[in-house]
Protein backbone atom coordinates (compact mmCIF):
# COMPACT_ATOMS: atom_id res chain seq x y z
CA MET A 1 70.28 10.12 2.73
CA THR A 2 67.04 8.73 4.14
CA ALA A 3 64.06 10.79 3.03
CA ASP A 4 62.29 12.37 5.95
CA PRO A 5 58.68 13.21 5.13
CA HIS A 6 58.24 15.05 8.42
CA ALA A 7 61.27 17.34 8.29
CA SER A 8 59.32 20.50 7.47
CA LEU A 9 56.80 19.87 10.26
CA ARG A 10 59.58 19.25 12.77
CA ARG A 11 61.41 22.37 11.66
CA ALA A 12 58.22 24.39 12.27
CA VAL A 13 57.94 22.95 15.79
CA TYR A 14 61.60 23.71 16.54
CA GLU A 15 61.23 27.28 15.33
CA ARG A 16 58.05 27.86 17.31
CA VAL A 17 59.36 26.34 20.55
CA LEU A 18 62.88 27.74 20.39
CA LEU A 19 62.33 31.09 18.67
CA GLY A 20 58.67 31.94 19.15
CA GLU A 21 57.08 34.12 21.77
CA GLY A 22 57.27 32.85 25.31
CA GLU A 23 58.10 33.64 28.88
CA ALA A 24 61.66 32.32 28.66
CA ASP A 25 64.13 34.23 26.51
CA PRO A 26 64.68 32.52 23.13
CA ASP A 27 68.45 32.43 23.80
CA LEU A 28 67.79 30.46 26.98
CA ARG A 29 65.44 28.06 25.17
CA GLN A 30 68.00 27.52 22.41
CA ALA A 31 70.76 26.92 24.97
CA ALA A 32 68.56 24.39 26.79
CA ALA A 33 67.94 22.62 23.47
CA ALA A 34 71.67 22.56 22.74
CA GLY A 35 72.42 21.33 26.26
CA THR A 36 75.06 23.99 26.90
CA GLY A 37 75.24 27.67 27.68
CA VAL A 38 72.45 27.79 30.26
CA PRO A 39 72.96 29.50 33.63
CA PRO A 40 74.93 27.33 36.08
CA ASP A 41 71.89 26.72 38.29
CA LEU A 42 70.05 25.13 35.34
CA GLN A 43 72.92 23.08 33.92
CA PRO A 44 72.45 19.98 36.14
CA LEU A 45 68.76 19.75 35.15
CA ILE A 46 69.50 20.33 31.47
CA ASP A 47 72.26 17.71 31.56
CA LYS A 48 69.90 15.21 33.15
CA ILE A 49 67.20 15.88 30.56
CA HIS A 50 69.68 15.39 27.73
CA ARG A 51 71.30 12.26 29.17
CA HIS A 52 68.71 10.51 31.35
CA ALA A 53 65.35 12.27 31.14
CA TYR A 54 63.60 9.37 32.83
CA LYS A 55 65.61 10.14 35.98
CA VAL A 56 64.35 13.74 36.35
CA THR A 57 62.54 14.10 39.66
CA ASP A 58 60.21 16.64 41.20
CA GLU A 59 63.13 17.71 43.36
CA ASP A 60 65.26 18.45 40.28
CA ILE A 61 62.56 20.82 39.02
CA ALA A 62 61.86 22.33 42.45
CA ARG A 63 65.52 23.35 42.86
CA VAL A 64 65.17 25.94 40.10
CA GLN A 65 61.43 26.49 39.81
CA ALA A 66 61.32 29.14 42.52
CA LYS A 67 63.72 31.28 40.49
CA TYR A 68 62.24 30.70 37.03
CA GLY A 69 58.53 30.13 37.72
CA ASP A 70 56.12 27.64 36.19
CA ASP A 71 55.83 29.04 32.66
CA LYS A 72 59.55 29.58 32.13
CA MET A 73 60.36 26.17 33.61
CA PHE A 74 57.87 24.51 31.28
CA GLU A 75 59.45 26.20 28.27
CA ILE A 76 62.99 25.39 29.42
CA VAL A 77 62.19 21.72 30.03
CA VAL A 78 60.32 21.36 26.73
CA SER A 79 63.20 23.04 24.89
CA ALA A 80 65.75 20.73 26.49
CA ALA A 81 63.65 17.66 25.70
CA LEU A 82 63.12 18.81 22.13
CA GLY A 83 66.85 19.38 21.67
CA ALA A 84 67.69 15.95 23.10
CA ALA A 85 65.11 14.31 20.83
CA ARG A 86 66.49 16.17 17.83
CA LYS A 87 69.99 14.84 18.51
CA ARG A 88 68.73 11.29 18.89
CA LEU A 89 66.71 11.52 15.69
CA ALA A 90 69.73 12.79 13.78
CA LEU A 91 71.81 9.87 15.10
CA GLY A 92 69.08 7.41 14.15
CA LEU A 93 68.74 8.80 10.64
CA ASP A 94 72.51 8.73 10.21
CA ALA A 95 72.55 5.08 11.34
CA LEU A 96 69.93 4.23 8.74
CA ASP A 97 71.94 6.00 6.06
CA ASN A 98 75.04 4.03 7.01
CA ALA A 99 73.31 0.64 7.32
């Protein structure tokens, strides 16, 4: 297994973002990071963040922002992006291990 000198720092970030105090419920932040289990109105945005984050538009955010507000939306989007990045990192590290 490839040694990861930053694993403990990343773990601290994940815990703070996904479990720490915030406006959005930690269960919602964890679901956004996982990409599943969010309310149906959020699922299209979360899917887009996980699959094609560069395609997220202002309109995508505006569709749900009125319901969730600025602070919750920020936390939800950051959680989804963090979860997507975590998955990609794990795939990259696995690829290095199998190279």
